Amino acid sequence: MSRYRPPAPRGSKFITPEGARTLKDELDHLWRVLRPQVTQAVSEAAAQGDRSENAEYIYGKRQLREIDRRVRFLRQRLDGMTVVDQPPKDRSKVFFGAWVTLEDDDGEQTEYRIVGPDEFDVAKRYLSMDSPLGKALMRKGLDDEVNVEVPGGRKTYVVVAVRYGVSGER
């Protein structure tokens, strides 16, 4: 049995201006604030002598590796991103950046925003365009039915409203 794992498929390369700003802020914080602090702590721990049994030194080096890994990921991810700041020409259909109001079989309505995989957030009701529901919603219009396979079986939604704009414009 092999330990090989195929690489995970890359997510879509679209992002909202708010999402791009969030990723850039995280990158800036890691590179300009957190990394210098950890580097200073590692150099102070190294000055204490024997590094092989120095927990502060070992932990600090591990933190640096994690920070550097995240910085590399963010730089590569941001490099190929397409920031979508304009709504599509056909605003009656669901595309990237849309706020979609769905009604389920029980008559309960829920609103989601279709965003890129780097910015989905359940608490904000941001839904990744790469998720099963996000994929099913793409190019749907008002009163269209959407069927999605969920852990409890199949779920049907009806698109009640589609609008474009930032979260503050609700």
Protein backbone atom coordinates (compact mmCIF):
# COMPACT_ATOMS: atom_id res chain seq x y z
CA MET A 1 0.00 0.00 0.00
CA SER A 2 1.43 3.32 -1.06
CA ARG A 3 1.58 6.50 0.99
CA TYR A 4 1.11 8.57 -2.15
CA ARG A 5 -1.83 10.94 -2.08
CA PRO A 6 -2.78 12.78 -5.23
CA PRO A 7 -2.73 16.55 -4.82
CA ALA A 8 -6.02 18.16 -3.88
CA PRO A 9 -7.74 19.86 -6.79
CA ARG A 10 -7.14 23.58 -6.85
CA GLY A 11 -10.12 25.76 -6.06
CA SER A 12 -11.51 28.32 -8.44
CA LYS A 13 -9.37 31.40 -8.99
CA PHE A 14 -12.07 33.99 -8.37
CA ILE A 15 -12.24 36.21 -5.32
CA THR A 16 -14.23 39.26 -4.20
CA PRO A 17 -12.39 42.51 -3.42
CA GLU A 18 -13.16 41.99 0.30
CA GLY A 19 -11.73 38.45 0.18
CA ALA A 20 -8.57 39.62 -1.60
CA ARG A 21 -8.12 42.35 0.99
CA THR A 22 -8.51 39.80 3.82
CA LEU A 23 -5.89 37.46 2.33
CA LYS A 24 -3.48 40.36 1.70
CA ASP A 25 -3.95 41.58 5.28
CA GLU A 26 -3.21 38.08 6.59
CA LEU A 27 -0.08 37.85 4.43
CA ASP A 28 1.08 41.29 5.57
CA HIS A 29 0.48 40.43 9.25
CA LEU A 30 2.36 37.15 8.98
CA TRP A 31 5.32 38.65 7.14
CA ARG A 32 5.69 42.02 8.86
CA VAL A 33 4.49 41.31 12.41
CA LEU A 34 4.38 37.65 13.40
CA ARG A 35 7.47 36.35 11.58
CA PRO A 36 9.85 39.00 13.02
CA GLN A 37 8.51 38.31 16.54
CA VAL A 38 9.06 34.56 16.21
CA THR A 39 12.48 35.07 14.61
CA GLN A 40 13.52 37.24 17.55
CA ALA A 41 12.27 34.60 20.03
CA VAL A 42 14.18 31.86 18.18
CA SER A 43 17.42 33.86 18.18
CA GLU A 44 17.05 34.54 21.92
CA ALA A 45 16.42 30.84 22.57
CA ALA A 46 19.42 29.90 20.42
CA ALA A 47 21.64 32.23 22.47
CA GLN A 48 20.89 30.19 25.60
CA GLY A 49 23.14 27.38 24.46
CA ASP A 50 22.30 23.73 23.75
CA ARG A 51 19.61 23.74 21.08
CA SER A 52 18.90 20.01 21.05
CA GLU A 53 16.96 20.12 24.33
CA ASN A 54 15.78 23.72 24.15
CA ALA A 55 11.96 23.53 23.84
CA GLU A 56 11.60 27.25 23.09
CA TYR A 57 14.07 26.95 20.21
CA ILE A 58 12.45 23.80 18.78
CA TYR A 59 8.93 25.21 19.09
CA GLY A 60 10.01 28.55 17.57
CA LYS A 61 11.59 26.83 14.57
CA ARG A 62 8.38 24.85 14.08
CA GLN A 63 6.36 28.09 14.22
CA LEU A 64 8.65 29.67 11.62
CA ARG A 65 8.14 26.70 9.27
CA GLU A 66 4.35 27.01 9.65
CA ILE A 67 4.43 30.76 9.03
CA ASP A 68 6.68 30.34 5.99
CA ARG A 69 4.42 27.60 4.60
CA ARG A 70 1.34 29.82 4.95
CA VAL A 71 3.17 32.82 3.45
CA ARG A 72 4.19 30.72 0.41
CA PHE A 73 0.63 29.46 0.01
CA LEU A 74 -0.88 32.95 0.23
CA ARG A 75 1.62 34.43 -2.23
CA GLN A 76 0.99 31.66 -4.77
CA ARG A 77 -2.76 31.82 -4.28
CA LEU A 78 -2.97 35.62 -4.58
CA ASP A 79 -0.68 35.62 -7.62
CA GLY A 80 -3.18 33.76 -9.80
CA MET A 81 -6.39 35.26 -8.44
CA THR A 82 -8.96 37.15 -10.47
CA VAL A 83 -10.66 39.84 -8.39
CA VAL A 84 -14.28 40.11 -9.50
CA ASP A 85 -15.53 43.59 -8.66
CA GLN A 86 -18.21 44.04 -11.33
CA PRO A 87 -21.58 42.24 -11.47
CA PRO A 88 -22.36 40.20 -14.60
CA LYS A 89 -24.38 41.63 -17.46
CA ASP A 90 -27.28 39.27 -16.78
CA ARG A 91 -28.20 40.05 -13.17
CA SER A 92 -31.22 37.75 -13.21
CA LYS A 93 -29.02 34.64 -13.06
CA VAL A 94 -26.73 33.33 -10.32
CA PHE A 95 -23.04 33.96 -10.95
CA PHE A 96 -20.02 34.65 -8.77
CA GLY A 97 -20.73 37.30 -6.12
CA ALA A 98 -24.51 36.92 -6.17
CA TRP A 99 -26.69 36.95 -3.08
CA VAL A 100 -29.17 34.11 -3.57
CA THR A 101 -32.31 33.56 -1.48
CA LEU A 102 -33.37 29.92 -1.45
CA GLU A 103 -36.54 28.31 -0.18
CA ASP A 104 -36.45 24.66 0.90
CA ASP A 105 -39.26 22.06 0.95
CA ASP A 106 -40.39 23.27 4.39
CA GLY A 107 -40.84 26.86 3.19
CA GLU A 108 -37.82 28.13 5.11
CA GLN A 109 -35.81 30.82 3.31
CA THR A 110 -32.06 31.24 3.55
CA GLU A 111 -29.78 33.75 1.84
CA TYR A 112 -26.26 32.86 0.65
CA ARG A 113 -23.54 34.72 -1.21
CA ILE A 114 -21.62 32.82 -3.87
CA VAL A 115 -17.89 33.41 -3.26
CA GLY A 116 -14.55 31.78 -4.04
CA PRO A 117 -13.18 28.80 -2.09
CA ASP A 118 -10.76 31.02 -0.15
CA GLU A 119 -13.46 33.11 1.47
CA PHE A 120 -16.38 30.82 2.28
CA ASP A 121 -17.73 31.35 5.80
CA VAL A 122 -20.74 29.58 7.27
CA ALA A 123 -21.34 32.31 9.86
CA LYS A 124 -21.58 35.01 7.16
CA ARG A 125 -23.56 32.67 4.87
CA TYR A 126 -20.80 32.80 2.25
CA LEU A 127 -21.04 29.71 0.05
CA SER A 128 -18.12 28.48 -2.06
CA MET A 129 -18.78 28.31 -5.77
CA ASP A 130 -16.96 24.95 -5.70
CA SER A 131 -19.34 23.41 -3.13
CA PRO A 132 -22.09 21.07 -4.35
CA LEU A 133 -24.81 23.68 -3.67
CA GLY A 134 -22.68 26.46 -5.20
CA LYS A 135 -22.11 24.44 -8.38
CA ALA A 136 -25.81 23.56 -8.60
CA LEU A 137 -26.83 27.23 -8.25
CA MET A 138 -24.60 28.60 -10.99
CA ARG A 139 -26.55 30.00 -13.97
CA LYS A 140 -29.91 29.40 -12.27
CA GLY A 141 -32.57 32.08 -12.37
CA LEU A 142 -35.64 33.10 -10.42
CA ASP A 143 -38.05 30.21 -9.62
CA ASP A 144 -35.56 27.56 -10.82
CA GLU A 145 -35.37 24.34 -8.79
CA VAL A 146 -32.03 23.10 -7.50
CA ASN A 147 -31.48 19.50 -6.34
CA VAL A 148 -28.49 18.82 -4.12
CA GLU A 149 -27.25 15.60 -2.55
CA VAL A 150 -26.80 16.15 1.22
CA PRO A 151 -25.79 13.68 3.96
CA GLY A 152 -29.46 13.07 4.83
CA GLY A 153 -30.45 12.41 1.20
CA ARG A 154 -31.55 14.67 -1.62
CA LYS A 155 -32.67 18.24 -0.89
CA THR A 156 -34.61 20.54 -3.22
CA TYR A 157 -34.42 24.32 -3.17
CA VAL A 158 -36.19 27.00 -5.20
CA VAL A 159 -34.40 30.23 -6.11
CA VAL A 160 -36.56 33.02 -4.66
CA ALA A 161 -34.30 36.04 -5.27
CA VAL A 162 -30.98 36.93 -6.91
CA ARG A 163 -29.19 40.21 -6.30
CA TYR A 164 -25.70 41.64 -6.52
CA GLY A 165 -23.89 43.99 -4.15
CA VAL A 166 -21.78 43.90 -0.99
CA SER A 167 -23.08 42.62 2.34
CA GLY A 168 -23.78 46.12 3.64
CA GLU A 169 -26.34 46.66 0.86
CA ARG A 170 -28.77 44.04 2.14
